[in-house]
mmCIF file of all heavy atoms, coordinates in Angstrom:
data_MODEL
# 
_entry.id   MODEL 
# 
loop_
_atom_site.group_PDB 
_atom_site.id 
_atom_site.type_symbol 
_atom_site.label_atom_id 
_atom_site.label_alt_id 
_atom_site.label_comp_id 
_atom_site.label_asym_id 
_atom_site.label_entity_id 
_atom_site.label_seq_id 
_atom_site.pdbx_PDB_ins_code 
_atom_site.Cartn_x 
_atom_site.Cartn_y 
_atom_site.Cartn_z 
_atom_site.occupancy 
_atom_site.B_iso_or_equiv 
_atom_site.pdbx_formal_charge 
_atom_site.auth_seq_id 
_atom_site.auth_comp_id 
_atom_site.auth_asym_id 
_atom_site.auth_atom_id 
_atom_site.pdbx_PDB_model_num 
ATOM 1   N N   . ALA A 1 1  ? -34.511 55.640 152.167 1.00 0.00 ? 1  ALA A N   1 
ATOM 2   C CA  . ALA A 1 1  ? -34.447 55.193 150.783 1.00 0.00 ? 1  ALA A CA  1 
ATOM 3   C C   . ALA A 1 1  ? -33.070 54.673 150.428 1.00 0.00 ? 1  ALA A C   1 
ATOM 4   O O   . ALA A 1 1  ? -32.056 55.158 150.935 1.00 0.00 ? 1  ALA A O   1 
ATOM 5   C CB  . ALA A 1 1  ? -34.814 56.345 149.852 1.00 0.00 ? 1  ALA A CB  1 
ATOM 6   N N   . GLU A 1 2  ? -33.071 53.694 149.536 1.00 0.00 ? 2  GLU A N   1 
ATOM 7   C CA  . GLU A 1 2  ? -31.817 53.184 148.998 1.00 0.00 ? 2  GLU A CA  1 
ATOM 8   C C   . GLU A 1 2  ? -31.423 54.036 147.788 1.00 0.00 ? 2  GLU A C   1 
ATOM 9   O O   . GLU A 1 2  ? -32.264 54.375 146.955 1.00 0.00 ? 2  GLU A O   1 
ATOM 10  C CB  . GLU A 1 2  ? -31.972 51.728 148.567 1.00 0.00 ? 2  GLU A CB  1 
ATOM 11  C CG  . GLU A 1 2  ? -30.668 51.125 148.107 1.00 0.00 ? 2  GLU A CG  1 
ATOM 12  C CD  . GLU A 1 2  ? -30.747 49.625 147.869 1.00 0.00 ? 2  GLU A CD  1 
ATOM 13  O OE1 . GLU A 1 2  ? -31.779 49.007 148.192 1.00 0.00 ? 2  GLU A OE1 1 
ATOM 14  O OE2 . GLU A 1 2  ? -29.758 49.089 147.349 1.00 0.00 ? 2  GLU A OE2 1 
ATOM 15  N N   . VAL A 1 3  ? -30.159 54.392 147.734 1.00 0.00 ? 3  VAL A N   1 
ATOM 16  C CA  . VAL A 1 3  ? -29.642 55.122 146.578 1.00 0.00 ? 3  VAL A CA  1 
ATOM 17  C C   . VAL A 1 3  ? -29.412 54.092 145.473 1.00 0.00 ? 3  VAL A C   1 
ATOM 18  O O   . VAL A 1 3  ? -28.627 53.163 145.629 1.00 0.00 ? 3  VAL A O   1 
ATOM 19  C CB  . VAL A 1 3  ? -28.333 55.865 146.919 1.00 0.00 ? 3  VAL A CB  1 
ATOM 20  C CG1 . VAL A 1 3  ? -27.730 56.490 145.665 1.00 0.00 ? 3  VAL A CG1 1 
ATOM 21  C CG2 . VAL A 1 3  ? -28.580 56.914 147.988 1.00 0.00 ? 3  VAL A CG2 1 
ATOM 22  N N   . VAL A 1 4  ? -30.126 54.272 144.355 1.00 0.00 ? 4  VAL A N   1 
ATOM 23  C CA  . VAL A 1 4  ? -30.028 53.307 143.257 1.00 0.00 ? 4  VAL A CA  1 
ATOM 24  C C   . VAL A 1 4  ? -29.239 53.851 142.072 1.00 0.00 ? 4  VAL A C   1 
ATOM 25  O O   . VAL A 1 4  ? -28.950 53.122 141.129 1.00 0.00 ? 4  VAL A O   1 
ATOM 26  C CB  . VAL A 1 4  ? -31.429 52.833 142.804 1.00 0.00 ? 4  VAL A CB  1 
ATOM 27  C CG1 . VAL A 1 4  ? -32.118 52.049 143.923 1.00 0.00 ? 4  VAL A CG1 1 
ATOM 28  C CG2 . VAL A 1 4  ? -32.304 53.998 142.344 1.00 0.00 ? 4  VAL A CG2 1 
ATOM 29  N N   . GLY A 1 5  ? -28.875 55.140 142.136 1.00 0.00 ? 5  GLY A N   1 
ATOM 30  C CA  . GLY A 1 5  ? -28.083 55.728 141.068 1.00 0.00 ? 5  GLY A CA  1 
ATOM 31  C C   . GLY A 1 5  ? -27.659 57.139 141.429 1.00 0.00 ? 5  GLY A C   1 
ATOM 32  O O   . GLY A 1 5  ? -28.339 57.820 142.192 1.00 0.00 ? 5  GLY A O   1 
ATOM 33  N N   . VAL A 1 6  ? -26.530 57.550 140.894 1.00 0.00 ? 6  VAL A N   1 
ATOM 34  C CA  . VAL A 1 6  ? -26.032 58.915 141.080 1.00 0.00 ? 6  VAL A CA  1 
ATOM 35  C C   . VAL A 1 6  ? -25.549 59.418 139.728 1.00 0.00 ? 6  VAL A C   1 
ATOM 36  O O   . VAL A 1 6  ? -24.792 58.730 139.034 1.00 0.00 ? 6  VAL A O   1 
ATOM 37  C CB  . VAL A 1 6  ? -24.871 58.974 142.104 1.00 0.00 ? 6  VAL A CB  1 
ATOM 38  C CG1 . VAL A 1 6  ? -24.304 60.384 142.197 1.00 0.00 ? 6  VAL A CG1 1 
ATOM 39  C CG2 . VAL A 1 6  ? -25.328 58.476 143.476 1.00 0.00 ? 6  VAL A CG2 1 
ATOM 40  N N   . LEU A 1 7  ? -26.004 60.617 139.358 1.00 0.00 ? 7  LEU A N   1 
ATOM 41  C CA  . LEU A 1 7  ? -25.546 61.270 138.139 1.00 0.00 ? 7  LEU A CA  1 
ATOM 42  C C   . LEU A 1 7  ? -24.779 62.523 138.536 1.00 0.00 ? 7  LEU A C   1 
ATOM 43  O O   . LEU A 1 7  ? -25.208 63.251 139.441 1.00 0.00 ? 7  LEU A O   1 
ATOM 44  C CB  . LEU A 1 7  ? -26.739 61.652 137.253 1.00 0.00 ? 7  LEU A CB  1 
ATOM 45  C CG  . LEU A 1 7  ? -27.599 60.491 136.754 1.00 0.00 ? 7  LEU A CG  1 
ATOM 46  C CD1 . LEU A 1 7  ? -28.859 61.013 136.081 1.00 0.00 ? 7  LEU A CD1 1 
ATOM 47  C CD2 . LEU A 1 7  ? -26.804 59.625 135.807 1.00 0.00 ? 7  LEU A CD2 1 
ATOM 48  N N   . VAL A 1 8  ? -23.639 62.768 137.872 1.00 0.00 ? 8  VAL A N   1 
ATOM 49  C CA  . VAL A 1 8  ? -22.842 63.967 138.147 1.00 0.00 ? 8  VAL A CA  1 
ATOM 50  C C   . VAL A 1 8  ? -22.549 64.683 136.837 1.00 0.00 ? 8  VAL A C   1 
ATOM 51  O O   . VAL A 1 8  ? -22.398 64.056 135.791 1.00 0.00 ? 8  VAL A O   1 
ATOM 52  C CB  . VAL A 1 8  ? -21.517 63.634 138.882 1.00 0.00 ? 8  VAL A CB  1 
ATOM 53  C CG1 . VAL A 1 8  ? -21.799 63.014 140.249 1.00 0.00 ? 8  VAL A CG1 1 
ATOM 54  C CG2 . VAL A 1 8  ? -20.629 62.723 138.064 1.00 0.00 ? 8  VAL A CG2 1 
ATOM 55  N N   . SER A 1 9  ? -22.464 65.998 136.917 1.00 0.00 ? 9  SER A N   1 
ATOM 56  C CA  . SER A 1 9  ? -22.184 66.808 135.729 1.00 0.00 ? 9  SER A CA  1 
ATOM 57  C C   . SER A 1 9  ? -20.739 66.631 135.288 1.00 0.00 ? 9  SER A C   1 
ATOM 58  O O   . SER A 1 9  ? -19.812 66.818 136.083 1.00 0.00 ? 9  SER A O   1 
ATOM 59  C CB  . SER A 1 9  ? -22.449 68.284 136.027 1.00 0.00 ? 9  SER A CB  1 
ATOM 60  O OG  . SER A 1 9  ? -23.814 68.475 136.294 1.00 0.00 ? 9  SER A OG  1 
ATOM 61  N N   . GLU A 1 10 ? -20.567 66.304 134.026 1.00 0.00 ? 10 GLU A N   1 
ATOM 62  C CA  . GLU A 1 10 ? -19.229 66.062 133.471 1.00 0.00 ? 10 GLU A CA  1 
ATOM 63  C C   . GLU A 1 10 ? -18.308 67.271 133.585 1.00 0.00 ? 10 GLU A C   1 
ATOM 64  O O   . GLU A 1 10 ? -17.090 67.115 133.681 1.00 0.00 ? 10 GLU A O   1 
ATOM 65  C CB  . GLU A 1 10 ? -19.340 65.644 131.999 1.00 0.00 ? 10 GLU A CB  1 
ATOM 66  C CG  . GLU A 1 10 ? -19.863 64.242 131.828 1.00 0.00 ? 10 GLU A CG  1 
ATOM 67  C CD  . GLU A 1 10 ? -19.851 63.818 130.368 1.00 0.00 ? 10 GLU A CD  1 
ATOM 68  O OE1 . GLU A 1 10 ? -18.758 63.813 129.764 1.00 0.00 ? 10 GLU A OE1 1 
ATOM 69  O OE2 . GLU A 1 10 ? -20.941 63.500 129.848 1.00 0.00 ? 10 GLU A OE2 1 
ATOM 70  N N   . GLU A 1 11 ? -18.870 68.476 133.598 1.00 0.00 ? 11 GLU A N   1 
ATOM 71  C CA  . GLU A 1 11 ? -18.035 69.682 133.633 1.00 0.00 ? 11 GLU A CA  1 
ATOM 72  C C   . GLU A 1 11 ? -17.179 69.776 134.896 1.00 0.00 ? 11 GLU A C   1 
ATOM 73  O O   . GLU A 1 11 ? -16.207 70.533 134.925 1.00 0.00 ? 11 GLU A O   1 
ATOM 74  C CB  . GLU A 1 11 ? -18.877 70.941 133.478 1.00 0.00 ? 11 GLU A CB  1 
ATOM 75  C CG  . GLU A 1 11 ? -19.783 71.245 134.662 1.00 0.00 ? 11 GLU A CG  1 
ATOM 76  C CD  . GLU A 1 11 ? -20.664 72.452 134.416 1.00 0.00 ? 11 GLU A CD  1 
ATOM 77  O OE1 . GLU A 1 11 ? -20.184 73.588 134.589 1.00 0.00 ? 11 GLU A OE1 1 
ATOM 78  O OE2 . GLU A 1 11 ? -21.827 72.240 134.032 1.00 0.00 ? 11 GLU A OE2 1 
ATOM 79  N N   . TYR A 1 12 ? -17.517 69.018 135.929 1.00 0.00 ? 12 TYR A N   1 
ATOM 80  C CA  . TYR A 1 12 ? -16.747 69.056 137.174 1.00 0.00 ? 12 TYR A CA  1 
ATOM 81  C C   . TYR A 1 12 ? -15.798 67.868 137.320 1.00 0.00 ? 12 TYR A C   1 
ATOM 82  O O   . TYR A 1 12 ? -15.202 67.676 138.371 1.00 0.00 ? 12 TYR A O   1 
ATOM 83  C CB  . TYR A 1 12 ? -17.686 69.139 138.380 1.00 0.00 ? 12 TYR A CB  1 
ATOM 84  C CG  . TYR A 1 12 ? -18.544 70.384 138.340 1.00 0.00 ? 12 TYR A CG  1 
ATOM 85  C CD1 . TYR A 1 12 ? -19.893 70.310 138.012 1.00 0.00 ? 12 TYR A CD1 1 
ATOM 86  C CD2 . TYR A 1 12 ? -17.992 71.635 138.587 1.00 0.00 ? 12 TYR A CD2 1 
ATOM 87  C CE1 . TYR A 1 12 ? -20.674 71.454 137.953 1.00 0.00 ? 12 TYR A CE1 1 
ATOM 88  C CE2 . TYR A 1 12 ? -18.762 72.785 138.525 1.00 0.00 ? 12 TYR A CE2 1 
ATOM 89  C CZ  . TYR A 1 12 ? -20.107 72.680 138.210 1.00 0.00 ? 12 TYR A CZ  1 
ATOM 90  O OH  . TYR A 1 12 ? -20.869 73.825 138.140 1.00 0.00 ? 12 TYR A OH  1 
ATOM 91  N N   . MET A 1 13 ? -15.642 67.102 136.251 1.00 0.00 ? 13 MET A N   1 
ATOM 92  C CA  . MET A 1 13 ? -14.725 65.955 136.265 1.00 0.00 ? 13 MET A CA  1 
ATOM 93  C C   . MET A 1 13 ? -13.332 66.402 135.815 1.00 0.00 ? 13 MET A C   1 
ATOM 94  O O   . MET A 1 13 ? -13.201 67.193 134.890 1.00 0.00 ? 13 MET A O   1 
ATOM 95  C CB  . MET A 1 13 ? -15.227 64.849 135.328 1.00 0.00 ? 13 MET A CB  1 
ATOM 96  C CG  . MET A 1 13 ? -16.554 64.229 135.718 1.00 0.00 ? 13 MET A CG  1 
ATOM 97  S SD  . MET A 1 13 ? -16.554 63.382 137.300 1.00 0.00 ? 13 MET A SD  1 
ATOM 98  C CE  . MET A 1 13 ? -15.431 62.046 136.966 1.00 0.00 ? 13 MET A CE  1 
ATOM 99  N N   . THR A 1 14 ? -12.316 65.843 136.480 1.00 0.00 ? 14 THR A N   1 
ATOM 100 C CA  . THR A 1 14 ? -10.941 66.116 136.058 1.00 0.00 ? 14 THR A CA  1 
ATOM 101 C C   . THR A 1 14 ? -10.531 65.089 135.009 1.00 0.00 ? 14 THR A C   1 
ATOM 102 O O   . THR A 1 14 ? -11.220 64.080 134.804 1.00 0.00 ? 14 THR A O   1 
ATOM 103 C CB  . THR A 1 14 ? -9.960  66.026 137.244 1.00 0.00 ? 14 THR A CB  1 
ATOM 104 O OG1 . THR A 1 14 ? -9.927  64.663 137.697 1.00 0.00 ? 14 THR A OG1 1 
ATOM 105 C CG2 . THR A 1 14 ? -10.356 66.946 138.384 1.00 0.00 ? 14 THR A CG2 1 
ATOM 106 N N   . ASP A 1 15 ? -9.412  65.317 134.369 1.00 0.00 ? 15 ASP A N   1 
ATOM 107 C CA  . ASP A 1 15 ? -8.899  64.368 133.383 1.00 0.00 ? 15 ASP A CA  1 
ATOM 108 C C   . ASP A 1 15 ? -8.586  63.018 134.014 1.00 0.00 ? 15 ASP A C   1 
ATOM 109 O O   . ASP A 1 15 ? -8.644  61.989 133.349 1.00 0.00 ? 15 ASP A O   1 
ATOM 110 C CB  . ASP A 1 15 ? -7.632  64.922 132.712 1.00 0.00 ? 15 ASP A CB  1 
ATOM 111 C CG  . ASP A 1 15 ? -7.950  66.109 131.811 1.00 0.00 ? 15 ASP A CG  1 
ATOM 112 O OD1 . ASP A 1 15 ? -9.118  66.249 131.400 1.00 0.00 ? 15 ASP A OD1 1 
ATOM 113 O OD2 . ASP A 1 15 ? -7.023  66.902 131.537 1.00 0.00 ? 15 ASP A OD2 1 
ATOM 114 N N   . SER A 1 16 ? -8.262  63.022 135.315 1.00 0.00 ? 16 SER A N   1 
ATOM 115 C CA  . SER A 1 16 ? -7.931  61.763 135.998 1.00 0.00 ? 16 SER A CA  1 
ATOM 116 C C   . SER A 1 16 ? -9.164  61.046 136.545 1.00 0.00 ? 16 SER A C   1 
ATOM 117 O O   . SER A 1 16 ? -9.047  60.006 137.181 1.00 0.00 ? 16 SER A O   1 
ATOM 118 C CB  . SER A 1 16 ? -6.937  62.028 137.137 1.00 0.00 ? 16 SER A CB  1 
ATOM 119 O OG  . SER A 1 16 ? -7.537  62.861 138.114 1.00 0.00 ? 16 SER A OG  1 
ATOM 120 N N   . GLY A 1 17 ? -10.372 61.610 136.314 1.00 0.00 ? 17 GLY A N   1 
ATOM 121 C CA  . GLY A 1 17 ? -11.598 60.941 136.725 1.00 0.00 ? 17 GLY A CA  1 
ATOM 122 C C   . GLY A 1 17 ? -12.101 61.308 138.112 1.00 0.00 ? 17 GLY A C   1 
ATOM 123 O O   . GLY A 1 17 ? -12.986 60.649 138.645 1.00 0.00 ? 17 GLY A O   1 
ATOM 124 N N   . LYS A 1 18 ? -11.564 62.360 138.709 1.00 0.00 ? 18 LYS A N   1 
ATOM 125 C CA  . LYS A 1 18 ? -12.026 62.819 140.026 1.00 0.00 ? 18 LYS A CA  1 
ATOM 126 C C   . LYS A 1 18 ? -13.151 63.834 139.824 1.00 0.00 ? 18 LYS A C   1 
ATOM 127 O O   . LYS A 1 18 ? -13.090 64.685 138.950 1.00 0.00 ? 18 LYS A O   1 
ATOM 128 C CB  . LYS A 1 18 ? -10.878 63.466 140.799 1.00 0.00 ? 18 LYS A CB  1 
ATOM 129 C CG  . LYS A 1 18 ? -11.269 63.978 142.171 1.00 0.00 ? 18 LYS A CG  1 
ATOM 130 C CD  . LYS A 1 18 ? -10.083 64.667 142.861 1.00 0.00 ? 18 LYS A CD  1 
ATOM 131 C CE  . LYS A 1 18 ? -10.441 65.132 144.246 1.00 0.00 ? 18 LYS A CE  1 
ATOM 132 N NZ  . LYS A 1 18 ? -11.198 66.356 144.286 1.00 0.00 ? 18 LYS A NZ  1 
ATOM 133 N N   . PHE A 1 19 ? -14.170 63.730 140.653 1.00 0.00 ? 19 PHE A N   1 
ATOM 134 C CA  . PHE A 1 19 ? -15.272 64.684 140.613 1.00 0.00 ? 19 PHE A CA  1 
ATOM 135 C C   . PHE A 1 19 ? -14.976 65.795 141.616 1.00 0.00 ? 19 PHE A C   1 
ATOM 136 O O   . PHE A 1 19 ? -14.803 65.541 142.805 1.00 0.00 ? 19 PHE A O   1 
ATOM 137 C CB  . PHE A 1 19 ? -16.604 64.001 140.952 1.00 0.00 ? 19 PHE A CB  1 
ATOM 138 C CG  . PHE A 1 19 ? -17.788 64.921 140.860 1.00 0.00 ? 19 PHE A CG  1 
ATOM 139 C CD1 . PHE A 1 19 ? -18.211 65.409 139.641 1.00 0.00 ? 19 PHE A CD1 1 
ATOM 140 C CD2 . PHE A 1 19 ? -18.475 65.298 141.996 1.00 0.00 ? 19 PHE A CD2 1 
ATOM 141 C CE1 . PHE A 1 19 ? -19.302 66.259 139.539 1.00 0.00 ? 19 PHE A CE1 1 
ATOM 142 C CE2 . PHE A 1 19 ? -19.579 66.141 141.916 1.00 0.00 ? 19 PHE A CE2 1 
ATOM 143 C CZ  . PHE A 1 19 ? -19.988 66.624 140.683 1.00 0.00 ? 19 PHE A CZ  1 
ATOM 144 N N   . ASN A 1 20 ? -14.898 67.041 141.140 1.00 0.00 ? 20 ASN A N   1 
ATOM 145 C CA  . ASN A 1 20 ? -14.592 68.188 141.989 1.00 0.00 ? 20 ASN A CA  1 
ATOM 146 C C   . ASN A 1 20 ? -15.872 68.797 142.560 1.00 0.00 ? 20 ASN A C   1 
ATOM 147 O O   . ASN A 1 20 ? -16.338 69.845 142.104 1.00 0.00 ? 20 ASN A O   1 
ATOM 148 C CB  . ASN A 1 20 ? -13.808 69.245 141.214 1.00 0.00 ? 20 ASN A CB  1 
ATOM 149 C CG  . ASN A 1 20 ? -12.363 68.866 141.038 1.00 0.00 ? 20 ASN A CG  1 
ATOM 150 O OD1 . ASN A 1 20 ? -11.785 68.208 141.899 1.00 0.00 ? 20 ASN A OD1 1 
ATOM 151 N ND2 . ASN A 1 20 ? -11.782 69.269 139.932 1.00 0.00 ? 20 ASN A ND2 1 
ATOM 152 N N   . LEU A 1 21 ? -16.424 68.171 143.577 1.00 0.00 ? 21 LEU A N   1 
ATOM 153 C CA  . LEU A 1 21 ? -17.654 68.631 144.202 1.00 0.00 ? 21 LEU A CA  1 
ATOM 154 C C   . LEU A 1 21 ? -17.502 70.055 144.743 1.00 0.00 ? 21 LEU A C   1 
ATOM 155 O O   . LEU A 1 21 ? -18.418 70.861 144.660 1.00 0.00 ? 21 LEU A O   1 
ATOM 156 C CB  . LEU A 1 21 ? -18.064 67.675 145.325 1.00 0.00 ? 21 LEU A CB  1 
ATOM 157 C CG  . LEU A 1 21 ? -19.403 67.941 145.995 1.00 0.00 ? 21 LEU A CG  1 
ATOM 158 C CD1 . LEU A 1 21 ? -20.542 67.836 144.993 1.00 0.00 ? 21 LEU A CD1 1 
ATOM 159 C CD2 . LEU A 1 21 ? -19.620 66.974 147.147 1.00 0.00 ? 21 LEU A CD2 1 
ATOM 160 N N   . GLU A 1 22 ? -16.301 70.373 145.259 1.00 0.00 ? 22 GLU A N   1 
ATOM 161 C CA  . GLU A 1 22 ? -16.079 71.698 145.842 1.00 0.00 ? 22 GLU A CA  1 
ATOM 162 C C   . GLU A 1 22 ? -16.157 72.817 144.799 1.00 0.00 ? 22 GLU A C   1 
ATOM 163 O O   . GLU A 1 22 ? -16.358 73.980 145.148 1.00 0.00 ? 22 GLU A O   1 
ATOM 164 C CB  . GLU A 1 22 ? -14.740 71.761 146.591 1.00 0.00 ? 22 GLU A CB  1 
ATOM 165 C CG  . GLU A 1 22 ? -13.520 71.498 145.742 1.00 0.00 ? 22 GLU A CG  1 
ATOM 166 C CD  . GLU A 1 22 ? -13.162 70.024 145.533 1.00 0.00 ? 22 GLU A CD  1 
ATOM 167 O OE1 . GLU A 1 22 ? -13.914 69.125 145.966 1.00 0.00 ? 22 GLU A OE1 1 
ATOM 168 O OE2 . GLU A 1 22 ? -12.125 69.784 144.905 1.00 0.00 ? 22 GLU A OE2 1 
ATOM 169 N N   . ASP A 1 23 ? -16.064 72.502 143.536 1.00 0.00 ? 23 ASP A N   1 
ATOM 170 C CA  . ASP A 1 23 ? -16.141 73.516 142.472 1.00 0.00 ? 23 ASP A CA  1 
ATOM 171 C C   . ASP A 1 23 ? -17.574 73.824 142.029 1.00 0.00 ? 23 ASP A C   1 
ATOM 172 O O   . ASP A 1 23 ? -17.792 74.721 141.220 1.00 0.00 ? 23 ASP A O   1 
ATOM 173 C CB  . ASP A 1 23 ? -15.339 73.066 141.244 1.00 0.00 ? 23 ASP A CB  1 
ATOM 174 C CG  . ASP A 1 23 ? -13.842 73.054 141.494 1.00 0.00 ? 23 ASP A CG  1 
ATOM 175 O OD1 . ASP A 1 23 ? -13.392 73.659 142.491 1.00 0.00 ? 23 ASP A OD1 1 
ATOM 176 O OD2 . ASP A 1 23 ? -13.127 72.441 140.689 1.00 0.00 ? 23 ASP A OD2 1 
ATOM 177 N N   . THR A 1 24 ? -18.540 73.095 142.549 1.00 0.00 ? 24 THR A N   1 
ATOM 178 C CA  . THR A 1 24 ? -19.923 73.248 142.099 1.00 0.00 ? 24 THR A CA  1 
ATOM 179 C C   . THR A 1 24 ? -20.642 74.441 142.719 1.00 0.00 ? 24 THR A C   1 
ATOM 180 O O   . THR A 1 24 ? -21.689 74.841 142.234 1.00 0.00 ? 24 THR A O   1 
ATOM 181 C CB  . THR A 1 24 ? -20.743 71.971 142.379 1.00 0.00 ? 24 THR A CB  1 
ATOM 182 O OG1 . THR A 1 24 ? -20.803 71.757 143.795 1.00 0.00 ? 24 THR A OG1 1 
ATOM 183 C CG2 . THR A 1 24 ? -20.151 70.765 141.677 1.00 0.00 ? 24 THR A CG2 1 
ATOM 184 N N   . GLY A 1 25 ? -20.110 74.996 143.812 1.00 0.00 ? 25 GLY A N   1 
ATOM 185 C CA  . GLY A 1 25 ? -20.762 76.138 144.461 1.00 0.00 ? 25 GLY A CA  1 
ATOM 186 C C   . GLY A 1 25 ? -21.914 75.729 145.357 1.00 0.00 ? 25 GLY A C   1 
ATOM 187 O O   . GLY A 1 25 ? -22.923 76.439 145.455 1.00 0.00 ? 25 GLY A O   1 
ATOM 188 N N   . LEU A 1 26 ? -21.776 74.603 146.049 1.00 0.00 ? 26 LEU A N   1 
ATOM 189 C CA  . LEU A 1 26 ? -22.842 74.116 146.922 1.00 0.00 ? 26 LEU A CA  1 
ATOM 190 C C   . LEU A 1 26 ? -23.192 75.117 148.018 1.00 0.00 ? 26 LEU A C   1 
ATOM 191 O O   . LEU A 1 26 ? -22.342 75.886 148.467 1.00 0.00 ? 26 LEU A O   1 
ATOM 192 C CB  . LEU A 1 26 ? -22.438 72.795 147.580 1.00 0.00 ? 26 LEU A CB  1 
ATOM 193 C CG  . LEU A 1 26 ? -22.297 71.588 146.666 1.00 0.00 ? 26 LEU A CG  1 
ATOM 194 C CD1 . LEU A 1 26 ? -21.863 70.375 147.474 1.00 0.00 ? 26 LEU A CD1 1 
ATOM 195 C CD2 . LEU A 1 26 ? -23.587 71.301 145.925 1.00 0.00 ? 26 LEU A CD2 1 
ATOM 196 N N   . ILE A 1 27 ? -24.442 75.061 148.442 1.00 0.00 ? 27 ILE A N   1 
ATOM 197 C CA  . ILE A 1 27 ? -24.901 75.899 149.541 1.00 0.00 ? 27 ILE A CA  1 
ATOM 198 C C   . ILE A 1 27 ? -25.421 75.022 150.668 1.00 0.00 ? 27 ILE A C   1 
ATOM 199 O O   . ILE A 1 27 ? -25.726 73.845 150.477 1.00 0.00 ? 27 ILE A O   1 
ATOM 200 C CB  . ILE A 1 27 ? -26.002 76.886 149.105 1.00 0.00 ? 27 ILE A CB  1 
ATOM 201 C CG1 . ILE A 1 27 ? -27.228 76.121 148.595 1.00 0.00 ? 27 ILE A CG1 1 
ATOM 202 C CG2 . ILE A 1 27 ? -25.490 77.867 148.075 1.00 0.00 ? 27 ILE A CG2 1 
ATOM 203 C CD1 . ILE A 1 27 ? -28.508 76.907 148.642 1.00 0.00 ? 27 ILE A CD1 1 
ATOM 204 N N   . ALA A 1 28 ? -25.530 75.630 151.834 1.00 0.00 ? 28 ALA A N   1 
ATOM 205 C CA  . ALA A 1 28 ? -26.138 74.992 152.995 1.00 0.00 ? 28 ALA A CA  1 
ATOM 206 C C   . ALA A 1 28 ? -27.196 75.938 153.547 1.00 0.00 ? 28 ALA A C   1 
ATOM 207 O O   . ALA A 1 28 ? -27.259 77.121 153.172 1.00 0.00 ? 28 ALA A O   1 
ATOM 208 C CB  . ALA A 1 28 ? -25.073 74.706 154.053 1.00 0.00 ? 28 ALA A CB  1 
ATOM 209 N N   . TYR A 1 29 ? -28.020 75.421 154.441 1.00 0.00 ? 29 TYR A N   1 
ATOM 210 C CA  . TYR A 1 29 ? -29.064 76.210 155.084 1.00 0.00 ? 29 TYR A CA  1 
ATOM 211 C C   . TYR A 1 29 ? -28.712 76.281 156.559 1.00 0.00 ? 29 TYR A C   1 
ATOM 212 O O   . TYR A 1 29 ? -28.429 75.262 157.187 1.00 0.00 ? 29 TYR A O   1 
ATOM 213 C CB  . TYR A 1 29 ? -30.413 75.520 154.875 1.00 0.00 ? 29 TYR A CB  1 
ATOM 214 C CG  . TYR A 1 29 ? -31.580 76.239 155.466 1.00 0.00 ? 29 TYR A CG  1 
ATOM 215 C CD1 . TYR A 1 29 ? -32.127 77.353 154.835 1.00 0.00 ? 29 TYR A CD1 1 
ATOM 216 C CD2 . TYR A 1 29 ? -32.165 75.804 156.651 1.00 0.00 ? 29 TYR A CD2 1 
ATOM 217 C CE1 . TYR A 1 29 ? -33.214 78.009 155.366 1.00 0.00 ? 29 TYR A CE1 1 
ATOM 218 C CE2 . TYR A 1 29 ? -33.266 76.452 157.179 1.00 0.00 ? 29 TYR A CE2 1 
ATOM 219 C CZ  . TYR A 1 29 ? -33.790 77.560 156.542 1.00 0.00 ? 29 TYR A CZ  1 
ATOM 220 O OH  . TYR A 1 29 ? -34.865 78.213 157.073 1.00 0.00 ? 29 TYR A OH  1 
# 
């Protein structure tokens, strides 16, 4: 599939516009 859009939660954005993915608490299997 082609990625046609990505939405990210604003609460993980820094003032400089960086998305802090590592702060989201991601899990793996």
